[in-house]
Amino acid sequence: MSSVPASLDGESSILVLAPSMSTEADETCIDLLTQAPSEQENVLWVTFTRSPDGCLQDWLSHAGGRPANLRFLSVGETVRSVAASSSMQETPNEAVIDTLSNPGDLTGLGIKVSEILQQWHGNSYETVACFHSLTALLQYSDVQTVYKFLHVLTGRFATAGVSAHFHLDPEAHDSQTINTLKTLFDAVAELEDGDWSVRTR
């Protein structure tokens, strides 16, 4: 099976089109987050639907070594069990978890991401990010609002030299929504019949 990272050449924003419950998407997610050695990376995981614990299990089974800095921004209900008592906590393996209770608060989400990037600014590590997922985000905001938010966010990532990928389940959205969002990204990786196709602009 073709590898998504091998098809990319420095694109800073990648849209990953694959079913939500897809092993291939999970593996590609880790591949995209580990293009540099783990110990030389800042890893930001923005997650609506997956628990930080689940993301960590994927990381440890595929990537092995721990990143220099690992930060979760857990949005909505999934995180309550993990971080019910505080807005920031340390997990046993020293990942920091920030929580944002309102998944429709795109302004707050953007501010949190900017704060994290600012904290990492100037350290010598490469910063990578996963946004899981746009499908969940679109349950709380309309397409135009999400489009504007992503336009700002992908620009911010590009300016900061961050390599970021965003998950979207193509089975959950109409083609107009998908095509509208596609225009925001440097590359689109789509899983079709078990194989990845990658288009760059």
N, C-alpha and C. Protein backbone atom coordinates (compact mmCIF):
# COMPACT_ATOMS: atom_id res chain seq x y z
N MET A 1 0.85 -1.20 0.00
CA MET A 1 0.00 0.00 0.00
C MET A 1 0.88 1.25 0.00
N SER A 2 0.50 2.21 -0.78
CA SER A 2 1.31 3.42 -0.89
C SER A 2 1.30 4.20 0.42
N SER A 3 2.41 4.87 0.70
CA SER A 3 2.52 5.64 1.93
C SER A 3 2.22 7.10 1.64
N VAL A 4 1.38 7.71 2.48
CA VAL A 4 1.05 9.12 2.27
C VAL A 4 2.26 10.03 2.45
N PRO A 5 3.03 9.90 3.55
CA PRO A 5 4.17 10.81 3.72
C PRO A 5 5.16 10.78 2.55
N ALA A 6 5.33 9.61 1.94
CA ALA A 6 6.28 9.49 0.83
C ALA A 6 5.83 10.31 -0.37
N SER A 7 4.54 10.59 -0.46
CA SER A 7 4.00 11.35 -1.60
C SER A 7 4.01 12.85 -1.36
N LEU A 8 4.44 13.26 -0.17
CA LEU A 8 4.39 14.68 0.18
C LEU A 8 5.78 15.27 0.18
N ASP A 9 5.83 16.58 -0.09
CA ASP A 9 7.12 17.26 -0.12
C ASP A 9 6.98 18.64 0.52
N GLY A 10 6.90 18.65 1.83
CA GLY A 10 6.89 19.93 2.54
C GLY A 10 5.56 20.62 2.63
N GLU A 11 4.46 19.95 2.22
CA GLU A 11 3.15 20.58 2.35
C GLU A 11 2.82 20.78 3.83
N SER A 12 2.34 21.97 4.19
CA SER A 12 2.13 22.24 5.61
C SER A 12 0.74 21.85 6.09
N SER A 13 -0.24 21.75 5.18
CA SER A 13 -1.59 21.36 5.60
C SER A 13 -2.13 20.25 4.70
N ILE A 14 -2.55 19.17 5.33
CA ILE A 14 -2.98 17.98 4.59
C ILE A 14 -4.37 17.58 5.06
N LEU A 15 -5.28 17.37 4.13
CA LEU A 15 -6.61 16.86 4.45
C LEU A 15 -6.60 15.35 4.25
N VAL A 16 -6.95 14.60 5.30
CA VAL A 16 -6.97 13.13 5.23
C VAL A 16 -8.43 12.69 5.13
N LEU A 17 -8.81 12.19 3.95
CA LEU A 17 -10.18 11.73 3.72
C LEU A 17 -10.23 10.21 3.89
N ALA A 18 -10.85 9.76 4.98
CA ALA A 18 -10.95 8.33 5.25
C ALA A 18 -12.06 8.11 6.26
N PRO A 19 -12.69 6.94 6.25
CA PRO A 19 -13.74 6.66 7.23
C PRO A 19 -13.22 6.83 8.66
N SER A 20 -14.09 7.28 9.55
CA SER A 20 -13.69 7.59 10.92
C SER A 20 -13.06 6.39 11.63
N MET A 21 -13.66 5.22 11.48
CA MET A 21 -13.15 4.03 12.16
C MET A 21 -12.26 3.23 11.21
N SER A 22 -11.15 3.81 10.82
CA SER A 22 -10.29 3.18 9.82
C SER A 22 -8.89 2.98 10.38
N THR A 23 -8.45 1.72 10.39
CA THR A 23 -7.09 1.42 10.86
C THR A 23 -6.06 2.10 9.99
N GLU A 24 -6.32 2.13 8.67
CA GLU A 24 -5.36 2.78 7.75
C GLU A 24 -5.21 4.26 8.07
N ALA A 25 -6.32 4.91 8.42
CA ALA A 25 -6.26 6.34 8.74
C ALA A 25 -5.47 6.55 10.03
N ASP A 26 -5.68 5.67 11.02
CA ASP A 26 -4.94 5.79 12.28
C ASP A 26 -3.44 5.62 12.05
N GLU A 27 -3.07 4.65 11.22
CA GLU A 27 -1.64 4.40 10.95
C GLU A 27 -1.03 5.57 10.18
N THR A 28 -1.77 6.08 9.19
CA THR A 28 -1.27 7.21 8.41
C THR A 28 -1.14 8.46 9.28
N CYS A 29 -2.08 8.61 10.22
CA CYS A 29 -2.01 9.72 11.17
C CYS A 29 -0.66 9.71 11.89
N ILE A 30 -0.28 8.56 12.43
CA ILE A 30 1.00 8.46 13.15
C ILE A 30 2.17 8.67 12.19
N ASP A 31 2.06 8.12 10.98
CA ASP A 31 3.13 8.33 9.97
C ASP A 31 3.35 9.83 9.72
N LEU A 32 2.25 10.57 9.60
CA LEU A 32 2.35 12.00 9.32
C LEU A 32 2.90 12.77 10.52
N LEU A 33 2.69 12.22 11.71
CA LEU A 33 3.18 12.88 12.92
C LEU A 33 4.63 12.51 13.24
N THR A 34 5.19 11.54 12.51
CA THR A 34 6.54 11.07 12.85
C THR A 34 7.47 11.11 11.65
N GLN A 35 7.44 12.21 10.91
CA GLN A 35 8.34 12.33 9.77
C GLN A 35 9.75 12.70 10.20
N ALA A 36 9.87 13.23 11.42
CA ALA A 36 11.18 13.45 12.05
C ALA A 36 11.27 12.47 13.22
N PRO A 37 12.47 12.23 13.75
CA PRO A 37 12.57 11.38 14.95
C PRO A 37 11.72 11.93 16.08
N SER A 38 10.99 11.06 16.78
CA SER A 38 10.05 11.48 17.82
C SER A 38 10.65 12.45 18.82
N GLU A 39 11.89 12.15 19.24
CA GLU A 39 12.49 12.95 20.32
C GLU A 39 12.86 14.36 19.86
N GLN A 40 12.68 14.63 18.55
CA GLN A 40 12.96 15.97 18.02
C GLN A 40 11.68 16.69 17.61
N GLU A 41 10.54 16.26 18.17
CA GLU A 41 9.26 16.82 17.75
C GLU A 41 8.44 17.39 18.90
N ASN A 42 7.71 18.47 18.57
CA ASN A 42 6.57 18.93 19.37
C ASN A 42 5.33 18.37 18.69
N VAL A 43 4.50 17.64 19.41
CA VAL A 43 3.30 17.04 18.81
C VAL A 43 2.05 17.63 19.46
N LEU A 44 1.19 18.22 18.64
CA LEU A 44 -0.09 18.77 19.10
C LEU A 44 -1.23 17.92 18.53
N TRP A 45 -2.07 17.44 19.42
CA TRP A 45 -3.20 16.62 19.00
C TRP A 45 -4.48 17.33 19.42
N VAL A 46 -5.26 17.83 18.45
CA VAL A 46 -6.56 18.42 18.74
C VAL A 46 -7.59 17.33 18.49
N THR A 47 -8.28 16.90 19.54
CA THR A 47 -9.18 15.77 19.35
C THR A 47 -10.58 16.03 19.90
N PHE A 48 -11.57 15.78 19.07
CA PHE A 48 -12.97 15.90 19.45
C PHE A 48 -13.55 14.53 19.83
N THR A 49 -13.16 13.52 19.11
CA THR A 49 -13.85 12.23 19.20
C THR A 49 -13.01 11.14 19.84
N ARG A 50 -11.72 11.34 19.93
CA ARG A 50 -10.87 10.29 20.48
C ARG A 50 -10.30 10.75 21.81
N SER A 51 -10.18 9.82 22.73
CA SER A 51 -9.58 10.16 24.02
C SER A 51 -8.07 10.28 23.85
N PRO A 52 -7.44 11.13 24.66
CA PRO A 52 -5.98 11.18 24.63
C PRO A 52 -5.35 9.80 24.87
N ASP A 53 -5.99 9.00 25.73
CA ASP A 53 -5.47 7.65 25.98
C ASP A 53 -5.41 6.82 24.70
N GLY A 54 -6.49 6.90 23.90
CA GLY A 54 -6.52 6.14 22.64
C GLY A 54 -5.46 6.61 21.67
N CYS A 55 -5.29 7.93 21.59
CA CYS A 55 -4.25 8.49 20.72
C CYS A 55 -2.86 8.02 21.17
N LEU A 56 -2.65 8.03 22.49
CA LEU A 56 -1.36 7.61 23.02
C LEU A 56 -1.08 6.14 22.71
N GLN A 57 -2.11 5.31 22.82
CA GLN A 57 -1.92 3.88 22.51
C GLN A 57 -1.48 3.71 21.06
N ASP A 58 -2.14 4.46 20.15
CA ASP A 58 -1.75 4.41 18.74
C ASP A 58 -0.30 4.85 18.57
N TRP A 59 0.03 5.94 19.25
CA TRP A 59 1.39 6.48 19.14
C TRP A 59 2.42 5.44 19.58
N LEU A 60 2.20 4.88 20.77
CA LEU A 60 3.18 3.96 21.35
C LEU A 60 3.31 2.68 20.53
N SER A 61 2.21 2.23 19.91
CA SER A 61 2.28 0.99 19.14
C SER A 61 2.90 1.21 17.76
N HIS A 62 2.82 2.43 17.23
CA HIS A 62 3.37 2.69 15.90
C HIS A 62 4.70 3.44 15.91
N ALA A 63 4.82 4.39 16.84
CA ALA A 63 5.97 5.30 16.77
C ALA A 63 7.09 4.93 17.74
N GLY A 64 6.72 4.31 18.84
CA GLY A 64 7.77 3.94 19.78
C GLY A 64 8.16 5.08 20.70
N GLY A 65 9.23 5.81 20.34
CA GLY A 65 9.79 6.82 21.23
C GLY A 65 8.84 7.97 21.55
N ARG A 66 9.06 8.59 22.71
CA ARG A 66 8.22 9.69 23.14
C ARG A 66 8.66 10.99 22.49
N PRO A 67 7.71 11.85 22.08
CA PRO A 67 8.10 13.15 21.52
C PRO A 67 8.74 14.04 22.59
N ALA A 68 9.48 15.03 22.15
CA ALA A 68 10.07 16.00 23.08
C ALA A 68 8.96 16.70 23.87
N ASN A 69 7.89 17.11 23.16
CA ASN A 69 6.73 17.72 23.81
C ASN A 69 5.46 17.12 23.20
N LEU A 70 4.54 16.71 24.05
CA LEU A 70 3.28 16.14 23.59
C LEU A 70 2.14 16.86 24.28
N ARG A 71 1.25 17.43 23.48
CA ARG A 71 0.16 18.27 24.01
C ARG A 71 -1.15 17.82 23.38
N PHE A 72 -2.15 17.60 24.21
CA PHE A 72 -3.49 17.30 23.72
C PHE A 72 -4.41 18.48 24.00
N LEU A 73 -5.20 18.82 23.01
CA LEU A 73 -6.27 19.80 23.19
C LEU A 73 -7.56 19.02 22.98
N SER A 74 -8.18 18.65 24.09
CA SER A 74 -9.33 17.75 24.05
C SER A 74 -10.60 18.59 24.11
N VAL A 75 -11.45 18.43 23.09
CA VAL A 75 -12.60 19.31 22.91
C VAL A 75 -13.89 18.54 23.13
N GLY A 76 -14.77 19.09 23.97
CA GLY A 76 -16.09 18.49 24.14
C GLY A 76 -16.13 17.43 25.22
N GLU A 77 -17.04 16.46 25.05
CA GLU A 77 -17.37 15.54 26.13
C GLU A 77 -16.35 14.42 26.34
N THR A 78 -15.59 14.06 25.29
CA THR A 78 -14.74 12.87 25.40
C THR A 78 -13.76 12.96 26.53
N VAL A 79 -13.42 14.15 26.96
CA VAL A 79 -12.32 14.30 27.88
C VAL A 79 -12.74 14.32 29.32
N ARG A 80 -14.03 14.38 29.57
CA ARG A 80 -14.47 14.58 30.95
C ARG A 80 -13.87 13.55 31.89
N SER A 81 -13.80 12.29 31.46
CA SER A 81 -13.28 11.26 32.34
C SER A 81 -11.78 11.43 32.58
N VAL A 82 -11.09 11.98 31.59
CA VAL A 82 -9.64 12.11 31.71
C VAL A 82 -9.28 13.32 32.56
N ALA A 83 -9.98 14.41 32.36
CA ALA A 83 -9.58 15.66 33.01
C ALA A 83 -10.79 16.37 33.59
N ALA A 84 -11.52 15.66 34.42
CA ALA A 84 -12.76 16.23 34.94
C ALA A 84 -12.50 17.40 35.88
N SER A 85 -11.36 17.40 36.55
CA SER A 85 -11.18 18.36 37.62
C SER A 85 -10.34 19.57 37.26
N SER A 86 -9.67 19.55 36.12
CA SER A 86 -8.83 20.70 35.81
C SER A 86 -8.79 20.94 34.32
N SER A 87 -8.39 22.15 33.93
CA SER A 87 -8.33 22.47 32.51
C SER A 87 -6.98 22.07 31.92
N MET A 88 -6.04 21.70 32.77
CA MET A 88 -4.75 21.23 32.27
C MET A 88 -4.21 20.21 33.25
N GLN A 89 -3.73 19.11 32.76
CA GLN A 89 -3.16 18.12 33.68
C GLN A 89 -2.04 17.36 32.98
N GLU A 90 -1.23 16.72 33.81
CA GLU A 90 -0.14 15.89 33.30
C GLU A 90 -0.60 14.44 33.30
N THR A 91 -0.38 13.71 32.23
CA THR A 91 -0.63 12.28 32.23
C THR A 91 0.66 11.59 32.68
N PRO A 92 0.58 10.30 33.00
CA PRO A 92 1.77 9.64 33.53
C PRO A 92 2.99 9.74 32.63
N ASN A 93 2.80 9.82 31.33
CA ASN A 93 3.99 9.90 30.47
C ASN A 93 4.29 11.34 30.05
N GLU A 94 3.83 12.27 30.88
CA GLU A 94 4.22 13.67 30.76
C GLU A 94 3.61 14.40 29.57
N ALA A 95 2.56 13.86 29.01
CA ALA A 95 1.80 14.63 28.01
C ALA A 95 0.93 15.63 28.75
N VAL A 96 0.77 16.82 28.20
CA VAL A 96 -0.09 17.82 28.81
C VAL A 96 -1.44 17.79 28.10
N ILE A 97 -2.51 17.78 28.88
CA ILE A 97 -3.85 17.78 28.30
C ILE A 97 -4.56 19.09 28.64
N ASP A 98 -4.91 19.85 27.62
CA ASP A 98 -5.77 21.03 27.80
C ASP A 98 -7.18 20.62 27.41
N THR A 99 -8.17 21.20 28.05
CA THR A 99 -9.54 20.88 27.71
C THR A 99 -10.31 22.13 27.30
N LEU A 100 -11.22 21.93 26.37
CA LEU A 100 -12.11 22.99 25.93
C LEU A 100 -13.51 22.37 25.90
N SER A 101 -14.38 22.81 26.82
CA SER A 101 -15.64 22.09 27.01
C SER A 101 -16.65 22.35 25.89
N ASN A 102 -16.59 23.52 25.26
CA ASN A 102 -17.58 23.86 24.24
C ASN A 102 -17.01 23.64 22.84
N PRO A 103 -17.44 22.57 22.15
CA PRO A 103 -16.88 22.26 20.83
C PRO A 103 -17.24 23.28 19.75
N GLY A 104 -18.24 24.12 20.03
CA GLY A 104 -18.61 25.14 19.05
C GLY A 104 -17.85 26.45 19.21
N ASP A 105 -16.97 26.51 20.21
CA ASP A 105 -16.22 27.74 20.49
C ASP A 105 -14.94 27.79 19.65
N LEU A 106 -15.09 28.15 18.38
CA LEU A 106 -13.94 28.15 17.48
C LEU A 106 -12.95 29.25 17.84
N THR A 107 -13.44 30.36 18.37
CA THR A 107 -12.53 31.43 18.79
C THR A 107 -11.63 30.93 19.91
N GLY A 108 -12.25 30.29 20.91
CA GLY A 108 -11.48 29.75 22.02
C GLY A 108 -10.49 28.69 21.57
N LEU A 109 -10.92 27.86 20.62
CA LEU A 109 -10.04 26.82 20.09
C LEU A 109 -8.83 27.43 19.39
N GLY A 110 -9.09 28.44 18.58
CA GLY A 110 -7.99 29.12 17.87
C GLY A 110 -7.01 29.76 18.83
N ILE A 111 -7.53 30.37 19.90
CA ILE A 111 -6.67 31.01 20.91
C ILE A 111 -5.79 29.97 21.60
N LYS A 112 -6.40 28.83 21.97
CA LYS A 112 -5.65 27.75 22.64
C LYS A 112 -4.50 27.26 21.75
N VAL A 113 -4.82 27.03 20.48
CA VAL A 113 -3.78 26.54 19.56
C VAL A 113 -2.65 27.56 19.45
N SER A 114 -3.02 28.84 19.32
CA SER A 114 -2.01 29.90 19.22
C SER A 114 -1.12 29.96 20.47
N GLU A 115 -1.75 29.78 21.63
CA GLU A 115 -0.98 29.80 22.89
C GLU A 115 0.05 28.67 22.93
N ILE A 116 -0.37 27.49 22.49
CA ILE A 116 0.53 26.34 22.50
C ILE A 116 1.69 26.56 21.51
N LEU A 117 1.37 27.05 20.31
CA LEU A 117 2.42 27.32 19.33
C LEU A 117 3.39 28.37 19.85
N GLN A 118 2.86 29.36 20.56
CA GLN A 118 3.71 30.41 21.13
C GLN A 118 4.66 29.85 22.18
N GLN A 119 4.15 28.92 22.98
CA GLN A 119 4.99 28.30 24.01
C GLN A 119 6.14 27.51 23.39
N TRP A 120 5.88 26.91 22.24
CA TRP A 120 6.90 26.10 21.58
C TRP A 120 7.80 26.92 20.66
N HIS A 121 7.40 28.15 20.40
CA HIS A 121 8.16 28.99 19.47
C HIS A 121 9.59 29.16 19.97
N GLY A 122 10.54 28.93 19.08
CA GLY A 122 11.93 29.16 19.47
C GLY A 122 12.64 27.94 20.01
N ASN A 123 11.88 26.86 20.36
CA ASN A 123 12.62 25.65 20.71
C ASN A 123 13.07 25.00 19.40
N SER A 124 14.00 24.13 19.48
CA SER A 124 14.66 23.66 18.24
C SER A 124 13.93 22.49 17.59
N TYR A 125 12.77 22.13 18.13
CA TYR A 125 12.08 20.95 17.61
C TYR A 125 11.11 21.28 16.47
N GLU A 126 10.83 20.28 15.68
CA GLU A 126 9.85 20.42 14.61
C GLU A 126 8.46 20.21 15.19
N THR A 127 7.50 21.05 14.80
CA THR A 127 6.15 20.94 15.33
C THR A 127 5.22 20.30 14.30
N VAL A 128 4.48 19.28 14.76
CA VAL A 128 3.50 18.59 13.91
C VAL A 128 2.16 18.58 14.65
N ALA A 129 1.08 18.53 13.89
CA ALA A 129 -0.25 18.60 14.52
C ALA A 129 -1.23 17.68 13.81
N CYS A 130 -2.15 17.13 14.61
CA CYS A 130 -3.27 16.34 14.09
C CYS A 130 -4.56 16.97 14.59
N PHE A 131 -5.52 17.15 13.68
CA PHE A 131 -6.84 17.68 14.03
C PHE A 131 -7.86 16.57 13.77
N HIS A 132 -8.42 16.01 14.85
CA HIS A 132 -9.29 14.83 14.73
C HIS A 132 -10.62 15.12 15.43
N SER A 133 -11.64 15.56 14.74
CA SER A 133 -11.69 15.60 13.28
C SER A 133 -12.61 16.72 12.84
N LEU A 134 -12.49 17.05 11.56
CA LEU A 134 -13.38 18.08 10.99
C LEU A 134 -14.81 17.59 10.94
N THR A 135 -14.99 16.27 10.81
CA THR A 135 -16.34 15.70 10.81
C THR A 135 -17.05 16.03 12.12
N ALA A 136 -16.33 15.89 13.23
CA ALA A 136 -16.91 16.24 14.54
C ALA A 136 -17.17 17.74 14.64
N LEU A 137 -16.22 18.54 14.17
CA LEU A 137 -16.36 19.99 14.24
C LEU A 137 -17.59 20.46 13.47
N LEU A 138 -17.86 19.83 12.35
CA LEU A 138 -18.99 20.23 11.51
C LEU A 138 -20.34 19.86 12.12
N GLN A 139 -20.34 19.11 13.21
CA GLN A 139 -21.59 18.85 13.92
C GLN A 139 -22.01 20.06 14.76
N TYR A 140 -21.05 20.95 15.01
CA TYR A 140 -21.31 22.08 15.91
C TYR A 140 -21.29 23.43 15.20
N SER A 141 -20.73 23.47 13.99
CA SER A 141 -20.65 24.74 13.25
C SER A 141 -20.95 24.49 11.78
N ASP A 142 -21.46 25.50 11.10
CA ASP A 142 -21.78 25.33 9.69
C ASP A 142 -20.51 25.41 8.83
N VAL A 143 -20.66 25.01 7.58
CA VAL A 143 -19.49 24.88 6.69
C VAL A 143 -18.76 26.21 6.53
N GLN A 144 -19.50 27.30 6.35
CA GLN A 144 -18.84 28.59 6.13
C GLN A 144 -18.04 29.04 7.34
N THR A 145 -18.60 28.80 8.53
CA THR A 145 -17.88 29.16 9.77
C THR A 145 -16.61 28.33 9.91
N VAL A 146 -16.74 27.02 9.64
CA VAL A 146 -15.57 26.13 9.72
C VAL A 146 -14.54 26.52 8.66
N TYR A 147 -15.01 26.88 7.48
CA TYR A 147 -14.09 27.28 6.40
C TYR A 147 -13.26 28.49 6.84
N LYS A 148 -13.92 29.49 7.40
CA LYS A 148 -13.20 30.70 7.84
C LYS A 148 -12.20 30.37 8.95
N PHE A 149 -12.63 29.53 9.89
CA PHE A 149 -11.76 29.12 10.98
C PHE A 149 -10.52 28.40 10.44
N LEU A 150 -10.74 27.46 9.51
CA LEU A 150 -9.62 26.69 8.96
C LEU A 150 -8.70 27.55 8.11
N HIS A 151 -9.27 28.54 7.44
CA HIS A 151 -8.45 29.45 6.63
C HIS A 151 -7.44 30.16 7.53
N VAL A 152 -7.91 30.61 8.68
CA VAL A 152 -7.02 31.28 9.64
C VAL A 152 -6.03 30.29 10.25
N LEU A 153 -6.55 29.12 10.65
CA LEU A 153 -5.72 28.13 11.35
C LEU A 153 -4.62 27.58 10.44
N THR A 154 -4.95 27.22 9.21
CA THR A 154 -3.91 26.68 8.30
C THR A 154 -2.87 27.74 7.99
N GLY A 155 -3.32 29.00 7.89
CA GLY A 155 -2.36 30.10 7.69
C GLY A 155 -1.42 30.25 8.87
N ARG A 156 -1.98 30.11 10.07
CA ARG A 156 -1.19 30.22 11.30
C ARG A 156 -0.16 29.08 11.36
N PHE A 157 -0.61 27.89 11.03
CA PHE A 157 0.31 26.74 11.02
C PHE A 157 1.43 26.95 10.00
N ALA A 158 1.07 27.43 8.81
CA ALA A 158 2.08 27.65 7.76
C ALA A 158 3.11 28.68 8.21
N THR A 159 2.64 29.77 8.82
CA THR A 159 3.54 30.82 9.29
C THR A 159 4.50 30.30 10.36
N ALA A 160 3.98 29.39 11.21
CA ALA A 160 4.79 28.85 12.31
C ALA A 160 5.64 27.65 11.88
N GLY A 161 5.52 27.26 10.60
CA GLY A 161 6.31 26.12 10.13
C GLY A 161 5.80 24.78 10.64
N VAL A 162 4.51 24.71 10.95
CA VAL A 162 3.91 23.48 11.47
C VAL A 162 3.40 22.62 10.32
N SER A 163 3.68 21.32 10.39
CA SER A 163 3.09 20.37 9.45
C SER A 163 1.85 19.78 10.12
N ALA A 164 0.67 20.07 9.56
CA ALA A 164 -0.58 19.67 10.21
C ALA A 164 -1.45 18.86 9.25
N HIS A 165 -2.14 17.86 9.79
CA HIS A 165 -3.12 17.15 8.98
C HIS A 165 -4.47 17.12 9.71
N PHE A 166 -5.53 17.08 8.91
CA PHE A 166 -6.90 17.21 9.40
C PHE A 166 -7.72 16.03 8.87
N HIS A 167 -8.37 15.31 9.77
CA HIS A 167 -9.18 14.16 9.38
C HIS A 167 -10.59 14.60 9.00
N LEU A 168 -11.13 13.97 7.95
CA LEU A 168 -12.52 14.20 7.53
C LEU A 168 -13.06 12.88 7.00
N ASP A 169 -14.25 12.49 7.47
CA ASP A 169 -14.88 11.26 6.99
C ASP A 169 -15.74 11.59 5.78
N PRO A 170 -15.32 11.16 4.57
CA PRO A 170 -16.07 11.55 3.36
C PRO A 170 -17.47 10.94 3.31
N GLU A 171 -17.69 9.87 4.08
CA GLU A 171 -19.01 9.23 4.07
C GLU A 171 -20.03 10.03 4.88
N ALA A 172 -19.55 11.00 5.67
CA ALA A 172 -20.45 11.74 6.56
C ALA A 172 -20.87 13.09 5.99
N HIS A 173 -20.35 13.44 4.80
CA HIS A 173 -20.60 14.78 4.25
C HIS A 173 -20.94 14.72 2.77
N ASP A 174 -21.66 15.73 2.29
CA ASP A 174 -21.96 15.78 0.86
C ASP A 174 -20.73 16.28 0.10
N SER A 175 -20.74 16.05 -1.19
CA SER A 175 -19.56 16.38 -2.01
C SER A 175 -19.28 17.88 -2.03
N GLN A 176 -20.31 18.70 -1.92
CA GLN A 176 -20.10 20.15 -1.92
C GLN A 176 -19.29 20.58 -0.69
N THR A 177 -19.63 20.03 0.47
CA THR A 177 -18.89 20.34 1.70
C THR A 177 -17.43 19.92 1.55
N ILE A 178 -17.22 18.70 1.07
CA ILE A 178 -15.85 18.17 0.92
C ILE A 178 -15.05 19.02 -0.06
N ASN A 179 -15.66 19.34 -1.19
CA ASN A 179 -14.94 20.12 -2.21
C ASN A 179 -14.64 21.54 -1.74
N THR A 180 -15.55 22.11 -0.94
CA THR A 180 -15.31 23.45 -0.38
C THR A 180 -14.10 23.43 0.53
N LEU A 181 -14.03 22.43 1.41
CA LEU A 181 -12.94 22.37 2.38
C LEU A 181 -11.62 21.98 1.73
N LYS A 182 -11.68 21.16 0.69
CA LYS A 182 -10.45 20.72 0.00
C LYS A 182 -9.59 21.91 -0.45
N THR A 183 -10.24 23.00 -0.83
CA THR A 183 -9.50 24.13 -1.41
C THR A 183 -8.56 24.79 -0.40
N LEU A 184 -8.74 24.49 0.89
CA LEU A 184 -7.93 25.13 1.93
C LEU A 184 -6.57 24.47 2.13
N PHE A 185 -6.41 23.26 1.60
CA PHE A 185 -5.25 22.45 1.97
C PHE A 185 -4.22 22.34 0.85
N ASP A 186 -2.95 22.21 1.26
CA ASP A 186 -1.87 22.03 0.30
C ASP A 186 -1.93 20.67 -0.38
N ALA A 187 -2.46 19.68 0.36
CA ALA A 187 -2.53 18.32 -0.18
C ALA A 187 -3.77 17.63 0.36
N VAL A 188 -4.30 16.70 -0.43
CA VAL A 188 -5.44 15.89 -0.01
C VAL A 188 -5.06 14.43 -0.18
N ALA A 189 -5.13 13.68 0.92
CA ALA A 189 -4.86 12.23 0.88
C ALA A 189 -6.19 11.51 1.07
N GLU A 190 -6.55 10.66 0.10
CA GLU A 190 -7.85 10.00 0.15
C GLU A 190 -7.67 8.50 0.12
N LEU A 191 -8.35 7.81 1.05
CA LEU A 191 -8.30 6.35 1.10
C LEU A 191 -9.42 5.79 0.26
N GLU A 192 -9.06 5.02 -0.78
CA GLU A 192 -10.06 4.41 -1.65
C GLU A 192 -9.68 2.95 -1.88
N ASP A 193 -10.58 2.06 -1.48
CA ASP A 193 -10.35 0.62 -1.64
C ASP A 193 -9.00 0.18 -1.06
N GLY A 194 -8.69 0.70 0.09
CA GLY A 194 -7.47 0.26 0.78
C GLY A 194 -6.19 0.92 0.32
N ASP A 195 -6.27 1.79 -0.69
CA ASP A 195 -5.07 2.48 -1.17
C ASP A 195 -5.22 3.99 -1.03
N TRP A 196 -4.11 4.65 -0.77
CA TRP A 196 -4.12 6.11 -0.65
C TRP A 196 -3.79 6.77 -1.99
N SER A 197 -4.55 7.80 -2.33
CA SER A 197 -4.17 8.65 -3.44
C SER A 197 -3.91 10.04 -2.85
N VAL A 198 -2.85 10.69 -3.32
CA VAL A 198 -2.48 11.99 -2.78
C VAL A 198 -2.45 13.01 -3.91
N ARG A 199 -3.19 14.11 -3.72
CA ARG A 199 -3.17 15.20 -4.70
C ARG A 199 -2.64 16.45 -4.01
N THR A 200 -1.71 17.10 -4.65
CA THR A 200 -1.19 18.34 -4.11
C THR A 200 -1.53 19.47 -5.08
N ARG A 201 -1.55 20.69 -4.52
CA ARG A 201 -1.91 21.80 -5.41
C ARG A 201 -0.68 22.58 -5.83
